[in-house]
Amino acid sequence: MHTHRSAAARAPRALIAVMVLVISTGACTAPAPSPTAGPTPSPLPTPTPIPTPLYSNAPDAALAALIPPTVAGQPVVVPAVTEFALTPGDIGGVYGDLGLRFRALQVAFVQKPRLSLFAVHMSPPEATTAELEPYLAAAGEYIGISGLHLGAWTLQTIGGRRVWVRPGDAAMVRGTTLYTWATGGYLFLMLGVSEEQNLAMLAALPGEAVPTPTPAPSLSPGPGGSQPGSPSPS
């Protein structure tokens, strides 16, 4: 007959056996593999910045230096950029996508006879005078034309340069003429009431030269003085 003492004596042996089994089982269990890092994702390409209008106007000495001190004997006023509130973005809105590249603006004027000039320095690429055509109506309205018709502008050659020209309308001083052109990274918008003074300012500022036509090749005389391809005398 088993006693409580003998059962109690067997209990530690059973407990030890269970502990040994647990320890040995744990020792044989392989450690869980650590997660391996996957391939490092490539960085996304940085998008190219989109041009935006510039609503600040830093001094541009090279731009201001293009404007002559006098035209037709009259002094030209070239105020510092701190003396006028316009910025490249203001006039750039007139010239659409081209205006997004405007980086500096200089104004100038003659008091009498009245002449006003807006000169702009652009970021590359350079614009040509022909590229200004879609913006002529807005340019005219910007400097005072009302009820403007695009057909009133004409592309002319003045002093060997290409320039868009149109007369003023009834809302402007009699005799006013408008001009706009582009060349060498610069764009100009001008209006004045004196033709002599206007032409003097045009001649003093950079302009887009009219392309020189390529001369046709001359035909040199063939043997016997006849032109190539001409019938020989019988």
Protein backbone atom coordinates (compact mmCIF):
# COMPACT_ATOMS: atom_id res chain seq x y z
CA MET A 1 0.00 0.00 0.00
CA HIS A 2 1.46 3.34 -1.05
CA THR A 3 1.65 6.09 1.46
CA HIS A 4 1.43 9.82 0.98
CA ARG A 5 5.14 9.98 1.71
CA SER A 6 6.15 7.70 -1.15
CA ALA A 7 3.93 9.64 -3.60
CA ALA A 8 5.44 12.88 -2.41
CA ALA A 9 8.91 11.40 -2.88
CA ARG A 10 8.12 10.49 -6.49
CA ALA A 11 6.78 13.95 -7.30
CA PRO A 12 10.16 15.68 -7.44
CA ARG A 13 11.49 12.94 -9.77
CA ALA A 14 8.56 13.43 -12.14
CA LEU A 15 8.96 17.19 -12.02
CA ILE A 16 12.69 16.92 -12.76
CA ALA A 17 11.95 14.64 -15.73
CA VAL A 18 9.48 17.11 -17.16
CA MET A 19 11.95 19.97 -16.71
CA VAL A 20 14.68 18.01 -18.46
CA LEU A 21 12.33 17.25 -21.34
CA VAL A 22 11.40 20.92 -21.69
CA ILE A 23 15.03 22.03 -21.57
CA SER A 24 16.20 19.44 -24.07
CA THR A 25 13.31 20.25 -26.45
CA GLY A 26 14.12 23.97 -26.25
CA ALA A 27 17.78 23.29 -26.93
CA CYS A 28 16.92 21.41 -30.13
CA THR A 29 14.58 24.08 -31.46
CA ALA A 30 16.27 26.16 -34.16
CA PRO A 31 16.16 29.93 -33.60
CA ALA A 32 13.70 31.80 -35.78
CA PRO A 33 15.49 33.32 -38.78
CA SER A 34 15.89 37.05 -38.62
CA PRO A 35 14.04 38.87 -41.41
CA THR A 36 16.30 39.75 -44.30
CA ALA A 37 16.14 43.23 -45.77
CA GLY A 38 14.79 43.47 -49.33
CA PRO A 39 16.39 45.50 -52.11
CA THR A 40 16.70 49.23 -51.40
CA PRO A 41 14.19 51.11 -53.58
CA SER A 42 15.74 53.54 -56.04
CA PRO A 43 15.06 57.22 -55.26
CA LEU A 44 12.39 58.81 -57.40
CA PRO A 45 13.71 61.31 -59.97
CA THR A 46 13.44 64.94 -58.95
CA PRO A 47 10.98 66.72 -61.25
CA THR A 48 12.38 69.58 -63.31
CA PRO A 49 11.26 72.91 -61.83
CA ILE A 50 8.50 74.58 -63.83
CA PRO A 51 9.12 78.26 -64.70
CA THR A 52 7.01 80.64 -62.67
CA PRO A 53 6.47 84.41 -62.94
CA LEU A 54 9.02 86.49 -61.05
CA TYR A 55 7.46 89.19 -58.89
CA SER A 56 10.68 90.71 -57.59
CA ASN A 57 12.99 92.95 -59.58
CA ALA A 58 16.70 93.05 -58.82
CA PRO A 59 18.85 95.74 -60.46
CA ASP A 60 20.32 94.64 -63.80
CA ALA A 61 23.22 96.92 -64.68
CA ALA A 62 23.72 95.37 -68.12
CA LEU A 63 20.06 95.95 -69.00
CA ALA A 64 20.07 99.56 -67.81
CA ALA A 65 23.30 100.22 -69.72
CA LEU A 66 21.56 99.41 -73.03
CA ILE A 67 19.37 102.51 -72.73
CA PRO A 68 20.98 105.66 -74.18
CA PRO A 69 21.26 108.78 -71.98
CA THR A 70 19.71 110.97 -74.71
CA VAL A 71 17.65 110.49 -77.89
CA ALA A 72 17.08 113.17 -80.53
CA GLY A 73 18.67 115.70 -78.16
CA GLN A 74 16.32 114.91 -75.23
CA PRO A 75 17.45 113.37 -71.91
CA VAL A 76 16.25 109.85 -71.13
CA VAL A 77 15.24 109.18 -67.53
CA VAL A 78 16.26 105.70 -66.30
CA PRO A 79 14.94 105.37 -62.73
CA ALA A 80 16.36 102.88 -60.23
CA VAL A 81 14.28 99.73 -59.77
CA THR A 82 13.38 100.94 -56.28
CA GLU A 83 11.60 103.92 -57.86
CA PHE A 84 8.95 101.96 -59.77
CA ALA A 85 6.70 99.16 -58.60
CA LEU A 86 6.57 97.02 -61.76
CA THR A 87 8.24 93.60 -61.83
CA PRO A 88 9.12 91.08 -64.57
CA GLY A 89 6.06 89.04 -63.60
CA ASP A 90 3.74 92.00 -64.15
CA ILE A 91 4.71 92.59 -67.75
CA GLY A 92 5.39 88.86 -68.21
CA GLY A 93 1.68 88.18 -67.93
CA VAL A 94 1.28 90.05 -71.22
CA TYR A 95 3.69 87.76 -73.08
CA GLY A 96 2.31 84.36 -72.04
CA ASP A 97 4.87 81.53 -71.86
CA LEU A 98 7.65 83.89 -72.90
CA GLY A 99 6.87 86.02 -69.85
CA LEU A 100 7.76 83.13 -67.53
CA ARG A 101 11.38 83.67 -68.57
CA PHE A 102 11.44 87.40 -67.76
CA ARG A 103 14.08 87.98 -65.07
CA ALA A 104 14.67 91.73 -64.95
CA LEU A 105 12.70 94.81 -65.96
CA GLN A 106 13.93 98.35 -66.54
CA VAL A 107 11.67 101.25 -67.48
CA ALA A 108 12.78 104.52 -69.05
CA PHE A 109 11.05 107.59 -70.43
CA VAL A 110 11.44 110.95 -72.11
CA GLN A 111 9.21 113.61 -70.65
CA LYS A 112 8.71 115.74 -73.77
CA PRO A 113 7.99 114.71 -76.45
CA ARG A 114 6.58 111.78 -74.51
CA LEU A 115 8.24 108.37 -74.91
CA SER A 116 7.95 105.32 -72.63
CA LEU A 117 10.13 102.21 -72.79
CA PHE A 118 9.90 98.81 -71.08
CA ALA A 119 13.09 96.74 -71.41
CA VAL A 120 13.23 93.12 -70.24
CA HIS A 121 16.09 90.66 -69.74
CA MET A 122 15.06 87.02 -70.37
CA SER A 123 16.39 83.62 -69.33
CA PRO A 124 17.42 81.31 -72.20
CA PRO A 125 16.31 80.39 -74.76
CA GLU A 126 16.25 83.71 -76.57
CA ALA A 127 13.04 84.88 -78.24
CA THR A 128 12.75 86.24 -81.75
CA THR A 129 10.61 89.14 -82.89
CA ALA A 130 8.39 86.80 -84.93
CA GLU A 131 7.58 84.83 -81.74
CA LEU A 132 5.89 87.90 -80.25
CA GLU A 133 2.97 87.78 -82.68
CA PRO A 134 0.53 85.84 -80.40
CA TYR A 135 0.99 88.46 -77.66
CA LEU A 136 0.64 91.69 -79.64
CA ALA A 137 -2.96 92.39 -78.67
CA ALA A 138 -2.24 91.99 -74.96
CA ALA A 139 0.93 94.09 -75.25
CA GLY A 140 -1.04 96.94 -76.83
CA GLU A 141 -3.71 96.80 -74.15
CA TYR A 142 -1.01 96.79 -71.45
CA ILE A 143 0.27 100.18 -72.55
CA GLY A 144 -3.07 101.85 -73.19
CA ILE A 145 -4.76 100.62 -76.36
CA SER A 146 -8.50 100.12 -76.04
CA GLY A 147 -10.59 98.10 -78.50
CA LEU A 148 -7.38 96.75 -80.04
CA HIS A 149 -7.48 94.76 -83.27
CA LEU A 150 -4.54 92.44 -83.92
CA GLY A 151 -4.49 93.32 -87.61
CA ALA A 152 -3.34 96.85 -86.77
CA TRP A 153 0.16 95.53 -85.95
CA THR A 154 2.55 95.03 -88.87
CA LEU A 155 5.99 93.45 -88.96
CA GLN A 156 8.26 96.09 -90.46
CA THR A 157 11.91 96.60 -91.27
CA ILE A 158 13.24 99.83 -89.78
CA GLY A 159 16.91 100.65 -90.08
CA GLY A 160 17.69 97.08 -91.07
CA ARG A 161 15.88 95.66 -87.99
CA ARG A 162 12.65 93.71 -87.61
CA VAL A 163 10.04 95.26 -85.32
CA TRP A 164 6.28 95.06 -84.78
CA VAL A 165 4.63 98.48 -85.20
CA ARG A 166 1.12 99.86 -84.86
CA PRO A 167 -0.42 103.31 -84.46
CA GLY A 168 -2.18 104.36 -81.31
CA ASP A 169 -5.94 104.68 -81.09
CA ALA A 170 -8.41 107.38 -80.06
CA ALA A 171 -7.67 106.75 -76.38
CA MET A 172 -4.02 107.82 -76.82
CA VAL A 173 -2.26 111.07 -77.60
CA ARG A 174 -2.44 111.93 -81.28
CA GLY A 175 0.59 110.60 -83.19
CA THR A 176 1.40 107.83 -80.71
CA THR A 177 3.07 104.77 -82.23
CA LEU A 178 3.71 101.42 -80.51
CA TYR A 179 6.70 99.12 -81.06
CA THR A 180 7.80 95.75 -79.71
CA TRP A 181 10.71 93.51 -80.67
CA ALA A 182 13.10 90.91 -79.23
CA THR A 183 16.78 90.11 -79.75
CA GLY A 184 19.75 88.58 -77.92
CA GLY A 185 17.86 87.66 -74.75
CA TYR A 186 16.16 91.06 -74.51
CA LEU A 187 12.61 92.22 -75.25
CA PHE A 188 11.46 95.81 -75.71
CA LEU A 189 8.02 97.44 -75.65
CA MET A 190 7.90 101.14 -76.50
CA LEU A 191 5.49 103.90 -77.38
CA GLY A 192 6.13 107.52 -78.28
CA VAL A 193 4.55 110.52 -79.95
CA SER A 194 7.52 111.77 -81.98
CA GLU A 195 8.56 109.68 -84.97
CA GLU A 196 12.04 111.22 -84.99
CA GLN A 197 12.54 110.39 -81.33
CA ASN A 198 11.03 106.90 -81.67
CA LEU A 199 13.36 106.03 -84.54
CA ALA A 200 16.35 107.41 -82.64
CA MET A 201 15.56 105.14 -79.68
CA LEU A 202 15.08 102.13 -81.98
CA ALA A 203 18.48 102.77 -83.54
CA ALA A 204 20.17 103.13 -80.15
CA LEU A 205 18.83 99.86 -78.69
CA PRO A 206 19.79 96.31 -79.74
CA GLY A 207 17.65 95.01 -82.59
CA GLU A 208 17.07 91.85 -84.58
CA ALA A 209 18.76 92.25 -87.95
CA VAL A 210 16.85 91.25 -91.04
CA PRO A 211 18.37 88.01 -92.39
CA THR A 212 20.54 88.56 -95.43
CA PRO A 213 19.27 86.41 -98.30
CA THR A 214 21.72 83.82 -99.55
CA PRO A 215 22.78 84.79 -103.08
CA ALA A 216 21.94 82.32 -105.82
CA PRO A 217 25.00 80.51 -107.20
CA SER A 218 26.33 82.08 -110.35
CA LEU A 219 26.80 79.98 -113.45
CA SER A 220 30.35 80.00 -114.75
CA PRO A 221 30.85 79.83 -118.51
CA GLY A 222 31.57 76.39 -119.91
CA PRO A 223 34.14 75.55 -122.60
CA GLY A 224 33.99 77.97 -125.48
CA GLY A 225 32.27 80.62 -123.34
CA SER A 226 28.84 78.94 -123.37
CA GLN A 227 26.82 78.46 -120.16
CA PRO A 228 26.49 74.89 -118.84
CA GLY A 229 23.50 73.23 -120.41
CA SER A 230 23.16 75.82 -123.19
CA PRO A 231 23.16 74.57 -126.74
CA SER A 232 26.48 74.76 -128.53
CA PRO A 233 26.57 76.96 -131.61
CA SER A 234 26.25 74.97 -134.85
